[in-house]
Protein backbone atom coordinates (compact mmCIF):
# COMPACT_ATOMS: atom_id res chain seq x y z
CA UNK A 1 3.75 3.56 5.27
CA UNK A 2 0.72 1.73 3.89
CA UNK A 3 -2.53 1.82 6.33
CA UNK A 4 -1.71 -2.10 7.07
CA UNK A 5 1.77 -1.27 8.23
CA UNK A 6 0.53 1.39 10.38
CA UNK A 7 -2.12 -0.82 12.04
CA UNK A 8 0.31 -3.72 12.59
CA UNK A 9 2.92 -1.28 13.93
CA UNK A 10 0.59 1.00 16.08
CA UNK A 11 -0.70 -2.81 17.47
CA UNK A 12 -4.08 -1.57 17.74
CA UNK A 13 -6.40 -3.74 20.25
CA UNK A 14 -7.01 -6.28 17.24
CA UNK A 15 -9.64 -9.21 18.44
CA UNK A 16 -8.41 -12.74 18.35
CA UNK A 17 -10.21 -14.93 15.90
CA UNK A 18 -10.81 -18.34 17.59
CA UNK A 19 -11.52 -21.85 16.00
CA UNK A 20 -12.22 -24.93 17.71
CA UNK A 21 -8.37 -25.81 17.28
CA UNK A 22 -6.30 -22.79 17.80
CA UNK A 23 -6.49 -19.02 18.50
CA UNK A 24 -5.10 -16.52 15.35
CA UNK A 25 -4.55 -12.76 15.58
CA UNK A 26 -6.81 -10.45 13.76
CA UNK A 27 -3.95 -9.47 11.09
CA UNK A 28 -3.40 -13.05 10.19
CA UNK A 29 -7.03 -13.86 9.51
CA UNK A 30 -7.41 -10.68 7.35
CA UNK A 31 -4.31 -11.23 5.56
CA UNK A 32 -5.56 -15.04 4.60
CA UNK A 33 -8.86 -13.74 3.97
CA UNK A 34 -7.49 -11.11 1.47
CA UNK A 35 -5.17 -13.67 -0.07
CA UNK A 36 -8.11 -15.75 -0.88
CA UNK A 37 -9.75 -12.87 -2.20
CA UNK A 38 -6.81 -11.63 -4.37
CA UNK A 39 -5.99 -15.36 -5.81
CA UNK A 40 -9.35 -15.41 -7.09
CA UNK A 41 -9.65 -12.03 -8.65
CA UNK A 42 -6.31 -12.89 -10.44
CA UNK A 43 -8.55 -15.73 -12.37
CA UNK A 44 -11.14 -13.23 -12.93
CA UNK A 45 -13.61 -13.54 -10.11
CA UNK A 46 -15.49 -10.47 -8.07
CA UNK A 47 -16.42 -10.15 -4.54
CA UNK A 48 -19.34 -7.96 -3.10
CA UNK A 49 -17.92 -5.64 -0.86
CA UNK A 50 -14.33 -6.43 -1.74
CA UNK A 51 -12.69 -3.91 -4.31
CA UNK A 52 -9.45 -4.68 -5.79
CA UNK A 53 -9.04 -0.65 -5.57
CA UNK A 54 -9.14 -0.69 -1.84
CA UNK A 55 -6.67 -3.80 -1.14
CA UNK A 56 -4.11 -2.14 -3.46
CA UNK A 57 -4.74 1.02 -1.20
CA UNK A 58 -4.70 -0.40 1.94
CA UNK A 59 -1.45 -2.85 1.47
CA UNK A 60 0.13 -0.61 -0.96
CA UNK A 61 0.40 -3.03 -4.07
CA UNK A 62 1.43 -1.42 -7.50
CA UNK A 63 -0.03 -3.26 -10.67
CA UNK A 64 -2.72 -3.00 -13.12
CA UNK A 65 -4.41 -6.35 -12.15
CA UNK A 66 -4.88 -8.64 -9.34
CA UNK A 67 -2.51 -11.02 -11.16
CA UNK A 68 0.08 -8.44 -11.21
CA UNK A 69 -0.27 -7.44 -7.23
CA UNK A 70 -0.52 -11.13 -5.79
CA UNK A 71 3.09 -11.84 -5.89
CA UNK A 72 3.69 -8.22 -3.81
CA UNK A 73 0.80 -9.54 -1.43
CA UNK A 74 2.33 -12.75 -0.89
CA UNK A 75 5.91 -11.17 0.01
CA UNK A 76 3.63 -8.91 2.65
CA UNK A 77 2.14 -11.68 4.01
CA UNK A 78 5.39 -13.60 4.15
CA UNK A 79 7.21 -10.71 6.07
CA UNK A 80 4.51 -10.53 8.56
CA UNK A 81 4.43 -14.13 9.32
CA UNK A 82 8.15 -14.10 9.60
CA UNK A 83 8.27 -11.06 11.95
CA UNK A 84 5.60 -12.71 14.12
CA UNK A 85 7.21 -15.80 14.65
């Protein structure tokens, strides 16, 4: 199991991210932020403090580039949202 799946299944006391319109659980916020990072990494951009290697390890992604891993990540994100809803 990947670290992400382990954390989700253990249901750690993750904080709730609040906006003016709704509340979002921590994992959904994290997935949205990392999805943005991966999409931009696939186009060749880099981020300070976010490494592709760390994202691959955390989510268990397989591939050489961010473009290779993007579809796998989107499947993980869809599974998370389908199981939460």
